[in-house]
N, C-alpha and C. Protein backbone atom coordinates (compact mmCIF):
# COMPACT_ATOMS: atom_id res chain seq x y z
N MET A 1 7.36 -16.00 23.83
CA MET A 1 5.76 -15.63 24.19
C MET A 1 5.10 -15.97 22.83
N SER A 2 4.07 -17.01 23.24
CA SER A 2 3.06 -17.50 22.42
C SER A 2 1.72 -17.03 22.37
N ILE A 3 1.30 -16.51 21.22
CA ILE A 3 0.04 -15.90 20.98
C ILE A 3 -0.98 -17.28 21.02
N LYS A 4 -1.96 -17.06 21.93
CA LYS A 4 -3.14 -17.84 22.29
C LYS A 4 -4.16 -17.81 21.17
N ILE A 5 -4.64 -18.38 20.54
CA ILE A 5 -5.76 -18.23 19.27
C ILE A 5 -6.89 -18.97 19.95
N GLU A 6 -8.02 -18.17 20.07
CA GLU A 6 -9.48 -18.72 20.32
C GLU A 6 -10.34 -18.81 19.54
N ASN A 7 -10.62 -17.52 18.90
CA ASN A 7 -11.98 -17.28 17.93
C ASN A 7 -11.31 -16.39 16.93
N ILE A 8 -11.49 -16.96 15.93
CA ILE A 8 -11.39 -15.94 14.42
C ILE A 8 -12.51 -15.60 13.67
N GLY A 9 -12.64 -14.68 13.02
CA GLY A 9 -13.76 -14.44 12.24
C GLY A 9 -14.98 -14.62 12.89
N GLY A 10 -16.16 -14.81 12.17
CA GLY A 10 -17.51 -14.97 12.71
C GLY A 10 -18.29 -13.83 12.03
N ALA A 11 -19.64 -13.88 12.30
CA ALA A 11 -20.70 -13.14 11.68
C ALA A 11 -20.50 -11.36 12.24
N THR A 12 -20.40 -10.72 11.12
CA THR A 12 -20.25 -9.19 10.93
C THR A 12 -21.68 -8.65 10.21
N SER A 13 -21.72 -7.52 10.71
CA SER A 13 -23.09 -6.54 9.83
C SER A 13 -22.92 -6.88 8.82
N GLU A 14 -21.96 -5.88 8.01
CA GLU A 14 -21.96 -5.70 6.44
C GLU A 14 -20.51 -5.35 6.35
N VAL A 15 -20.08 -6.55 5.77
CA VAL A 15 -18.28 -6.53 5.14
C VAL A 15 -18.56 -6.16 3.82
N SER A 16 -17.60 -5.18 3.28
CA SER A 16 -17.61 -4.82 1.78
C SER A 16 -16.09 -4.95 1.39
N GLY A 17 -15.73 -5.02 0.34
CA GLY A 17 -14.65 -4.44 0.01
C GLY A 17 -14.43 -3.47 -0.54
N GLY A 18 -13.26 -2.83 -1.36
CA GLY A 18 -13.20 -1.64 -2.22
C GLY A 18 -12.42 -0.87 -1.13
N PHE A 19 -11.75 0.26 -1.84
CA PHE A 19 -10.98 1.26 -1.58
C PHE A 19 -11.54 2.46 -1.77
N SER A 20 -11.18 3.54 -0.82
CA SER A 20 -11.83 4.96 -1.15
C SER A 20 -11.02 5.61 -2.03
N HIS A 21 -11.56 5.90 -3.08
CA HIS A 21 -10.94 6.68 -4.26
C HIS A 21 -10.06 7.86 -4.04
N THR A 22 -10.41 8.51 -3.17
CA THR A 22 -9.84 9.64 -2.92
C THR A 22 -8.50 9.87 -2.05
N GLU A 23 -8.32 8.48 -1.67
CA GLU A 23 -7.27 8.34 -0.76
C GLU A 23 -5.98 7.26 -0.78
N VAL A 24 -5.16 7.56 -1.89
CA VAL A 24 -4.13 6.70 -2.03
C VAL A 24 -2.86 7.51 -1.95
N TYR A 25 -1.77 7.37 -1.43
CA TYR A 25 -0.74 8.44 -1.32
C TYR A 25 0.48 7.46 -1.19
N VAL A 26 1.29 8.27 -2.08
CA VAL A 26 2.55 7.45 -2.51
C VAL A 26 4.05 8.53 -1.97
N ALA A 27 4.92 7.62 -1.26
CA ALA A 27 6.12 8.59 -1.00
C ALA A 27 7.50 7.70 -1.34
N LEU A 28 8.89 8.68 -1.69
CA LEU A 28 9.79 7.92 -1.99
C LEU A 28 10.26 7.30 -0.52
N LEU A 29 11.03 5.94 -0.47
CA LEU A 29 11.49 5.39 0.63
C LEU A 29 12.55 6.32 1.26
N GLU A 30 13.15 6.69 0.19
CA GLU A 30 14.52 7.58 0.76
C GLU A 30 14.32 8.83 1.51
N ASN A 31 13.01 9.22 1.43
CA ASN A 31 12.77 10.76 2.28
C ASN A 31 12.15 10.26 3.53
N PHE A 32 12.10 9.07 4.00
CA PHE A 32 11.82 8.91 5.31
C PHE A 32 12.89 8.91 6.64
N THR A 33 12.48 9.43 7.66
CA THR A 33 13.45 9.15 8.69
C THR A 33 13.34 8.09 9.74
N ALA A 34 12.15 7.66 9.80
CA ALA A 34 11.80 6.75 10.52
C ALA A 34 10.40 5.94 9.91
N LEU A 35 10.53 4.41 9.63
CA LEU A 35 9.58 3.47 8.94
C LEU A 35 9.60 2.66 9.59
N THR A 36 8.58 2.13 10.64
CA THR A 36 8.38 1.03 11.28
C THR A 36 7.89 -0.10 10.63
N GLU A 37 7.68 -1.35 11.24
CA GLU A 37 7.28 -2.59 10.64
C GLU A 37 6.37 -3.21 11.54
N PRO A 38 5.31 -3.82 11.32
CA PRO A 38 4.75 -4.68 12.64
C PRO A 38 5.62 -5.67 13.12
N LYS A 39 5.35 -5.80 14.30
CA LYS A 39 5.95 -6.82 15.54
C LYS A 39 6.23 -8.20 14.63
N GLU A 40 7.47 -8.36 15.13
CA GLU A 40 7.93 -10.00 14.94
C GLU A 40 7.21 -11.24 15.35
N ARG A 41 7.03 -12.13 14.71
CA ARG A 41 6.52 -13.55 15.03
C ARG A 41 6.94 -14.32 16.48
N ASP A 42 8.48 -13.88 16.24
CA ASP A 42 9.50 -14.67 17.22
C ASP A 42 10.23 -13.88 17.61
N GLY A 43 11.25 -14.10 18.45
CA GLY A 43 12.38 -13.31 18.85
C GLY A 43 12.28 -12.81 20.14
N ALA A 44 13.17 -11.58 20.26
CA ALA A 44 13.17 -11.05 21.66
C ALA A 44 12.05 -10.35 22.19
N SER A 45 11.31 -9.63 21.33
CA SER A 45 10.22 -8.85 21.48
C SER A 45 9.08 -9.29 20.51
N PRO A 46 8.44 -10.33 20.72
CA PRO A 46 7.65 -10.69 19.52
C PRO A 46 6.09 -10.42 19.56
N ALA A 47 5.48 -10.56 19.15
CA ALA A 47 4.13 -9.96 18.85
C ALA A 47 3.01 -10.60 20.06
N ALA A 48 2.17 -9.77 20.97
CA ALA A 48 1.43 -10.38 21.95
C ALA A 48 0.17 -10.98 20.99
N SER A 49 -0.29 -10.26 20.08
CA SER A 49 -1.74 -10.75 19.59
C SER A 49 -1.49 -10.91 17.96
N LEU A 50 -2.46 -11.41 17.56
CA LEU A 50 -2.39 -11.60 15.77
C LEU A 50 -2.50 -10.37 15.16
N ALA A 51 -3.28 -9.42 15.75
CA ALA A 51 -3.21 -8.01 15.26
C ALA A 51 -1.92 -7.23 15.21
N GLU A 52 -1.16 -7.46 16.07
CA GLU A 52 0.19 -6.88 16.05
C GLU A 52 1.27 -7.58 15.03
N LEU A 53 0.83 -8.58 14.33
CA LEU A 53 1.47 -9.35 13.48
C LEU A 53 1.57 -8.58 11.97
N VAL A 54 0.44 -7.55 11.97
CA VAL A 54 0.30 -6.69 10.79
C VAL A 54 -0.05 -5.48 10.81
N THR A 55 0.08 -4.87 12.18
CA THR A 55 -0.11 -3.68 12.48
C THR A 55 1.12 -2.63 12.50
N ILE A 56 0.95 -1.45 11.78
CA ILE A 56 2.17 -0.54 12.04
C ILE A 56 1.46 0.58 12.81
N ASP A 57 1.96 0.62 14.21
CA ASP A 57 1.50 1.67 15.18
C ASP A 57 2.02 2.78 15.24
N THR A 58 3.18 3.00 14.88
CA THR A 58 4.09 4.01 15.49
C THR A 58 4.14 4.71 14.12
N PRO A 59 3.89 6.05 14.04
CA PRO A 59 3.74 6.97 12.71
C PRO A 59 4.99 7.04 11.90
N HIS A 60 5.00 7.00 10.69
CA HIS A 60 6.29 7.16 9.87
C HIS A 60 6.42 8.77 10.11
N THR A 61 7.73 8.94 9.92
CA THR A 61 8.41 10.33 9.61
C THR A 61 9.17 10.76 8.67
N PHE A 62 9.19 11.71 8.14
CA PHE A 62 9.87 12.21 6.99
C PHE A 62 11.10 13.40 7.13
N GLU A 63 11.96 13.46 6.42
CA GLU A 63 13.24 14.55 6.20
C GLU A 63 12.12 15.54 6.24
N VAL A 64 12.53 16.86 6.56
CA VAL A 64 11.93 17.99 6.52
C VAL A 64 11.53 18.46 5.30
N GLY A 65 10.60 18.73 4.65
CA GLY A 65 10.37 19.26 3.37
C GLY A 65 9.49 18.06 2.72
N PHE A 66 9.41 16.91 3.12
CA PHE A 66 8.87 15.69 2.33
C PHE A 66 7.53 14.97 2.90
N GLY A 67 7.11 14.44 2.24
CA GLY A 67 5.56 13.65 2.62
C GLY A 67 5.07 13.08 1.42
N PHE A 68 3.86 12.52 1.95
CA PHE A 68 3.20 11.61 1.08
C PHE A 68 2.60 12.60 -0.08
N THR A 69 2.65 12.11 -1.36
CA THR A 69 1.64 12.76 -2.57
C THR A 69 0.62 12.14 -2.53
N LYS A 70 -0.54 12.73 -2.86
CA LYS A 70 -1.76 12.06 -2.84
C LYS A 70 -2.19 11.98 -4.19
N ILE A 71 -2.70 10.68 -4.44
CA ILE A 71 -3.07 10.43 -5.90
C ILE A 71 -4.64 10.23 -6.09
N LYS A 72 -5.45 10.50 -6.74
CA LYS A 72 -6.92 10.44 -6.87
C LYS A 72 -7.34 9.50 -8.17
N ALA A 73 -7.72 8.54 -7.73
CA ALA A 73 -7.95 7.34 -8.58
C ALA A 73 -9.44 7.14 -8.77
N ILE A 74 -9.60 6.52 -9.73
CA ILE A 74 -11.21 6.30 -10.11
C ILE A 74 -11.78 5.29 -9.25
N ARG A 75 -12.83 5.98 -9.09
CA ARG A 75 -13.65 5.23 -8.01
C ARG A 75 -14.19 3.67 -8.45
N GLU A 76 -13.73 2.68 -7.52
CA GLU A 76 -13.99 1.49 -7.46
C GLU A 76 -12.82 0.76 -8.58
N SER A 77 -11.61 1.42 -8.58
CA SER A 77 -10.82 1.05 -9.55
C SER A 77 -9.36 0.30 -8.62
N VAL A 78 -9.66 0.72 -7.39
CA VAL A 78 -8.25 0.29 -6.71
C VAL A 78 -8.40 -1.14 -6.06
N GLY A 79 -7.67 -1.86 -6.15
CA GLY A 79 -7.72 -3.11 -5.30
C GLY A 79 -6.48 -3.63 -4.92
N LEU A 80 -6.49 -4.43 -4.05
CA LEU A 80 -5.28 -5.22 -3.17
C LEU A 80 -5.28 -6.55 -3.26
N GLU A 81 -4.52 -7.21 -3.82
CA GLU A 81 -4.08 -8.73 -3.83
C GLU A 81 -3.03 -9.34 -3.07
N THR A 82 -3.40 -10.07 -1.94
CA THR A 82 -2.04 -10.58 -1.43
C THR A 82 -2.04 -12.31 -1.94
N THR A 83 -0.85 -12.82 -2.34
CA THR A 83 -0.56 -14.16 -2.75
C THR A 83 0.63 -14.59 -2.21
N GLN A 84 0.71 -15.91 -1.33
CA GLN A 84 1.97 -16.31 -0.78
C GLN A 84 2.54 -16.95 -1.53
N ILE A 85 3.70 -16.55 -1.89
CA ILE A 85 4.73 -17.22 -2.96
C ILE A 85 5.96 -17.61 -2.45
N GLY A 86 6.32 -18.55 -3.08
CA GLY A 86 7.66 -19.48 -2.36
C GLY A 86 7.48 -20.68 -2.00
N ASP A 87 8.37 -21.54 -1.84
CA ASP A 87 8.20 -22.90 -1.47
C ASP A 87 7.85 -22.84 0.08
N VAL A 88 6.87 -23.58 0.39
CA VAL A 88 6.49 -23.39 1.94
C VAL A 88 7.23 -24.35 2.96
N THR A 89 8.34 -25.05 2.47
CA THR A 89 9.48 -25.73 3.49
C THR A 89 10.30 -24.53 3.43
N LYS A 90 10.77 -23.85 2.93
CA LYS A 90 11.87 -22.76 2.54
C LYS A 90 11.84 -21.34 3.28
N SER A 91 11.29 -20.63 2.35
CA SER A 91 10.92 -19.04 2.46
C SER A 91 9.66 -18.84 1.95
N PRO A 92 8.57 -19.00 2.30
CA PRO A 92 7.54 -18.51 1.58
C PRO A 92 7.20 -17.01 2.02
N VAL A 93 6.90 -16.11 1.24
CA VAL A 93 6.58 -14.85 1.61
C VAL A 93 5.33 -14.31 0.90
N GLN A 94 4.52 -13.10 1.54
CA GLN A 94 3.49 -12.58 0.81
C GLN A 94 3.87 -11.52 -0.26
N GLU A 95 3.31 -11.75 -1.44
CA GLU A 95 3.62 -10.65 -2.39
C GLU A 95 1.98 -9.95 -2.24
N ASN A 96 2.21 -8.46 -2.34
CA ASN A 96 1.16 -7.68 -2.35
C ASN A 96 1.25 -6.79 -3.39
N LYS A 97 0.09 -6.77 -4.03
CA LYS A 97 0.12 -5.90 -5.35
C LYS A 97 -1.58 -5.05 -5.10
N LEU A 98 -1.30 -3.75 -5.34
CA LEU A 98 -2.17 -2.55 -5.24
C LEU A 98 -2.39 -1.95 -6.54
N THR A 99 -3.40 -2.36 -7.28
CA THR A 99 -3.68 -1.40 -8.62
C THR A 99 -4.70 -0.68 -8.49
N LEU A 100 -4.31 0.81 -9.49
CA LEU A 100 -5.39 1.79 -9.29
C LEU A 100 -5.36 2.24 -10.76
N GLN A 101 -6.42 2.95 -11.05
CA GLN A 101 -6.40 3.40 -12.47
C GLN A 101 -7.18 4.94 -12.00
N MET A 102 -6.12 5.79 -12.98
CA MET A 102 -6.35 7.48 -12.91
C MET A 102 -7.11 7.63 -14.04
N LEU A 103 -7.87 8.87 -13.99
CA LEU A 103 -8.67 9.30 -15.39
C LEU A 103 -7.88 10.52 -15.94
N GLY A 104 -7.71 10.14 -17.03
CA GLY A 104 -7.11 11.36 -17.93
C GLY A 104 -5.41 10.89 -18.43
N SER A 105 -5.07 11.81 -18.83
CA SER A 105 -3.64 11.65 -19.52
C SER A 105 -2.94 13.25 -19.42
N GLU A 106 -3.11 13.85 -18.28
CA GLU A 106 -2.75 14.95 -17.96
C GLU A 106 -0.98 14.57 -17.88
N ALA A 107 -0.19 16.01 -17.93
CA ALA A 107 1.20 15.97 -17.83
C ALA A 107 1.71 15.27 -16.55
N GLU A 108 0.85 15.86 -15.64
CA GLU A 108 1.14 15.40 -14.15
C GLU A 108 1.09 14.03 -13.86
N ILE A 109 -0.07 13.11 -14.51
CA ILE A 109 0.20 11.73 -14.38
C ILE A 109 1.23 11.19 -15.30
N LEU A 110 1.23 11.43 -16.23
CA LEU A 110 2.37 10.85 -17.06
C LEU A 110 3.71 11.00 -16.36
N GLY A 111 3.97 12.26 -15.95
CA GLY A 111 5.20 12.55 -15.36
C GLY A 111 5.60 11.95 -13.96
N PHE A 112 4.33 11.53 -13.41
CA PHE A 112 4.38 10.80 -12.11
C PHE A 112 4.82 9.29 -12.55
N LYS A 113 4.35 8.84 -13.67
CA LYS A 113 4.86 7.54 -13.98
C LYS A 113 6.37 7.29 -14.15
N ARG A 114 6.72 8.34 -14.77
CA ARG A 114 8.23 8.32 -15.04
C ARG A 114 9.08 8.65 -13.63
N TRP A 115 8.52 9.60 -12.73
CA TRP A 115 9.35 9.89 -11.49
C TRP A 115 9.13 8.44 -10.50
N ALA A 116 8.21 7.56 -10.86
CA ALA A 116 8.08 6.67 -9.79
C ALA A 116 8.61 5.30 -10.31
N LYS A 117 8.93 5.32 -11.66
CA LYS A 117 9.34 4.09 -12.17
C LYS A 117 10.83 3.62 -11.62
N GLY A 118 11.00 2.42 -11.20
CA GLY A 118 12.28 1.79 -10.83
C GLY A 118 12.75 2.70 -9.40
N ARG A 119 11.79 3.35 -8.63
CA ARG A 119 12.45 3.70 -7.27
C ARG A 119 11.64 2.97 -6.07
N ASP A 120 12.21 2.96 -4.94
CA ASP A 120 11.79 2.09 -3.81
C ASP A 120 10.71 3.15 -2.94
N LEU A 121 9.30 2.81 -2.96
CA LEU A 121 8.14 3.37 -2.52
C LEU A 121 7.45 2.83 -1.45
N VAL A 122 6.71 3.97 -0.74
CA VAL A 122 5.83 3.38 0.28
C VAL A 122 4.41 3.85 -0.07
N VAL A 123 3.54 3.14 -0.21
CA VAL A 123 2.12 3.62 -0.80
C VAL A 123 0.77 3.08 0.40
N LEU A 124 0.01 4.06 0.38
CA LEU A 124 -0.62 4.00 1.46
C LEU A 124 -2.08 3.79 0.88
N ALA A 125 -2.96 3.15 0.83
CA ALA A 125 -4.36 3.07 0.51
C ALA A 125 -5.53 2.56 1.80
N THR A 126 -6.72 3.42 1.70
CA THR A 126 -7.61 3.37 2.48
C THR A 126 -8.58 2.55 2.06
N GLU A 127 -8.91 1.51 2.89
CA GLU A 127 -10.24 0.26 2.57
C GLU A 127 -11.25 1.27 3.10
N PHE A 128 -12.33 0.83 2.14
CA PHE A 128 -13.77 1.78 1.97
C PHE A 128 -14.41 1.50 3.24
N GLU A 129 -14.58 0.44 3.63
CA GLU A 129 -15.65 0.31 4.74
C GLU A 129 -14.93 0.48 6.31
N SER A 130 -13.63 -0.52 6.51
CA SER A 130 -13.14 -0.49 7.67
C SER A 130 -12.06 0.97 7.81
N GLY A 131 -11.74 1.53 7.01
CA GLY A 131 -10.94 2.76 6.98
C GLY A 131 -9.48 2.65 7.44
N ASN A 132 -9.05 1.06 7.06
CA ASN A 132 -7.92 0.67 7.16
C ASN A 132 -6.90 1.17 6.55
N LEU A 133 -5.87 1.75 6.70
CA LEU A 133 -4.78 2.31 5.90
C LEU A 133 -3.76 1.01 5.54
N ARG A 134 -3.87 0.44 4.24
CA ARG A 134 -3.01 -0.76 4.12
C ARG A 134 -1.73 -0.22 3.25
N GLN A 135 -0.61 -0.77 3.58
CA GLN A 135 1.05 -0.25 3.30
C GLN A 135 1.33 -1.05 2.30
N ILE A 136 2.00 -0.57 1.11
CA ILE A 136 2.76 -1.30 0.19
C ILE A 136 4.25 -0.53 0.41
N GLY A 137 5.27 -1.64 0.74
CA GLY A 137 6.71 -1.44 0.73
C GLY A 137 6.83 -0.70 2.51
N SER A 138 8.10 -1.18 2.59
CA SER A 138 8.56 -1.37 3.81
C SER A 138 10.02 -0.75 4.05
N ALA A 139 10.70 -0.54 4.84
CA ALA A 139 12.12 -0.12 5.19
C ALA A 139 13.11 -1.12 4.46
N LYS A 140 12.90 -2.37 4.65
CA LYS A 140 13.53 -3.48 4.04
C LYS A 140 13.42 -3.73 2.55
N PHE A 141 12.24 -3.48 2.51
CA PHE A 141 11.74 -4.13 1.11
C PHE A 141 10.73 -2.70 0.27
N GLY A 142 11.33 -1.84 0.02
CA GLY A 142 10.67 -1.02 -0.85
C GLY A 142 9.55 -1.57 -1.78
N GLY A 143 8.61 -0.93 -1.75
CA GLY A 143 7.36 -1.09 -2.99
C GLY A 143 7.86 -0.51 -4.34
N LYS A 144 7.49 -1.25 -5.43
CA LYS A 144 7.90 -0.76 -6.58
C LYS A 144 6.57 -0.38 -7.37
N LEU A 145 6.67 0.61 -8.71
CA LEU A 145 5.91 0.53 -9.49
C LEU A 145 6.30 -0.42 -10.50
N ILE A 146 5.45 -1.75 -10.60
CA ILE A 146 5.67 -2.82 -11.34
C ILE A 146 4.96 -2.75 -12.83
N GLU A 147 4.11 -2.08 -13.22
CA GLU A 147 3.28 -1.97 -14.26
C GLU A 147 2.62 -0.61 -14.13
N SER A 148 2.67 0.11 -15.51
CA SER A 148 2.09 1.50 -15.78
C SER A 148 1.63 1.36 -17.23
N SER A 149 0.51 1.72 -17.60
CA SER A 149 -0.18 1.48 -18.75
C SER A 149 -1.22 2.97 -19.00
N SER A 150 -0.95 3.56 -20.05
CA SER A 150 -2.03 4.52 -20.40
C SER A 150 -2.79 4.35 -21.79
N LYS A 151 -3.92 4.61 -21.54
CA LYS A 151 -4.72 4.07 -22.78
C LYS A 151 -5.83 5.00 -23.15
N ILE A 152 -5.67 5.68 -24.24
CA ILE A 152 -6.62 6.49 -24.88
C ILE A 152 -7.24 5.71 -26.29
N GLU A 153 -8.59 5.40 -25.96
CA GLU A 153 -9.39 4.95 -27.39
C GLU A 153 -9.38 6.17 -28.33
N ALA A 154 -9.50 5.34 -29.38
CA ALA A 154 -10.05 6.25 -30.90
C ALA A 154 -11.43 6.92 -30.56
N ALA A 155 -12.58 6.42 -30.30
CA ALA A 155 -13.72 7.01 -30.12
C ALA A 155 -13.89 7.83 -28.99
N LEU A 156 -14.50 9.33 -29.42
CA LEU A 156 -14.82 10.27 -28.54
C LEU A 156 -15.17 9.65 -27.05
N GLU A 157 -15.92 8.91 -27.41
CA GLU A 157 -16.56 8.17 -25.73
C GLU A 157 -15.83 6.98 -25.28
N GLY A 158 -14.57 6.78 -25.61
CA GLY A 158 -13.65 5.79 -25.49
C GLY A 158 -12.82 5.91 -24.12
N GLU A 159 -12.22 5.37 -23.61
CA GLU A 159 -11.44 5.26 -22.34
C GLU A 159 -10.28 6.14 -22.37
N ASN A 160 -9.93 6.76 -21.47
CA ASN A 160 -8.70 7.61 -21.41
C ASN A 160 -8.24 7.36 -19.94
N THR A 161 -7.63 6.39 -19.77
CA THR A 161 -7.14 6.26 -18.09
C THR A 161 -5.35 5.78 -18.34
N THR A 162 -4.99 5.68 -16.99
CA THR A 162 -3.76 5.63 -16.74
C THR A 162 -3.84 4.29 -15.70
N THR A 163 -3.36 3.19 -15.72
CA THR A 163 -3.34 2.14 -14.63
C THR A 163 -1.96 1.78 -14.18
N LEU A 164 -2.01 1.91 -12.73
CA LEU A 164 -0.53 1.80 -12.12
C LEU A 164 -0.78 0.47 -11.07
N VAL A 165 0.47 -0.40 -10.98
CA VAL A 165 0.60 -1.63 -10.20
C VAL A 165 1.48 -1.12 -9.33
N PHE A 166 1.30 -1.17 -8.18
CA PHE A 166 2.35 -1.09 -6.90
C PHE A 166 2.55 -2.45 -6.51
N GLN A 167 3.78 -3.13 -6.12
CA GLN A 167 3.95 -4.27 -5.40
C GLN A 167 5.14 -4.39 -4.48
N ASP A 168 4.91 -5.08 -3.47
CA ASP A 168 6.11 -5.48 -2.66
C ASP A 168 6.04 -6.93 -2.24
N LYS A 169 6.99 -7.53 -1.78
CA LYS A 169 7.09 -8.81 -1.16
C LYS A 169 7.57 -8.71 0.29
N GLN A 170 6.60 -9.39 1.25
CA GLN A 170 7.19 -9.08 2.64
C GLN A 170 6.80 -10.68 3.38
N LYS A 171 7.31 -10.35 4.67
CA LYS A 171 6.77 -11.52 5.39
C LYS A 171 5.34 -11.83 6.03
N TYR A 172 4.65 -10.62 5.52
CA TYR A 172 3.30 -10.32 5.95
C TYR A 172 2.47 -9.75 4.88
N ASP A 173 1.04 -9.78 4.85
CA ASP A 173 0.30 -9.02 4.11
C ASP A 173 0.32 -7.65 4.12
N ALA A 174 -0.11 -6.84 3.33
CA ALA A 174 0.42 -5.47 3.34
C ALA A 174 -0.62 -5.01 4.81
N PRO A 175 0.60 -4.49 5.33
CA PRO A 175 -0.05 -4.11 6.70
C PRO A 175 -0.94 -3.10 6.74
N ILE A 176 -1.82 -3.02 8.18
CA ILE A 176 -2.63 -1.84 8.65
C ILE A 176 -1.72 -0.87 9.33
N TYR A 177 -1.81 0.31 8.53
CA TYR A 177 -0.64 1.44 9.11
C TYR A 177 -1.89 2.37 9.88
N THR A 178 -1.49 2.62 11.23
CA THR A 178 -2.52 3.43 11.89
C THR A 178 -2.13 4.70 12.37
N GLY A 179 -0.82 5.17 12.01
CA GLY A 179 -0.33 6.26 12.24
C GLY A 179 -0.87 7.55 11.52
N THR A 180 -0.30 8.62 11.33
CA THR A 180 -0.69 9.78 10.69
C THR A 180 -0.32 9.83 9.51
N ILE A 181 -0.87 10.68 8.33
CA ILE A 181 -0.45 10.67 6.83
C ILE A 181 0.23 11.94 7.27
N GLU A 182 1.50 12.41 6.79
CA GLU A 182 2.02 13.61 6.61
C GLU A 182 2.12 13.82 4.80
N ILE A 183 1.34 14.81 4.43
CA ILE A 183 1.23 15.03 3.25
C ILE A 183 2.48 16.23 2.81
N GLN A 184 2.73 15.81 1.53
CA GLN A 184 4.06 16.82 0.86
C GLN A 184 3.84 18.30 0.75
N PRO A 185 4.68 18.83 1.39
CA PRO A 185 4.34 20.14 1.47
C PRO A 185 4.61 21.13 0.03
N ALA A 186 3.66 22.00 -0.17
CA ALA A 186 3.82 22.73 -1.58
C ALA A 186 5.21 23.49 -1.73
N ALA A 187 5.76 23.33 -3.04
CA ALA A 187 6.84 23.49 -3.19
C ALA A 187 7.17 25.56 -3.10
């Protein structure tokens, strides 16, 4: 089946960027029982629309006792960048990078950096205007914490922040997840 493309884009009332500062979620890939992906471009059951190429509409499910951990980032510090990388004639992919800053240097923040490094992750962040949940990481290619830095400036009024950068490489831009967010239950 081929997707018919007629009109893309156009005038909208008020488009804005940015992500909600209270809605960034992280989970270990190993704790999922089901993690779906957008439909394929070709094959036996291809996408029937452009939206299906980047939308995950089946809810993810976790093993009992697991879920997403909620991270509170500094307002207007969360950003998503997607770049096509690789040779266009061979195997180009999309590199998705989600960057956020957290305020402070509490033990929980520093411990989170250690807990997340080197592990396969799934990260969700909510776009401010549209409310779209954008996802880093998939069942095939887990997201990674590729950068983490903490900064405490010498001056009393100086910066005290932790910056985290999550990255994945997929066939698609960081997809839009329309399912529910299952929060990690309290211990």
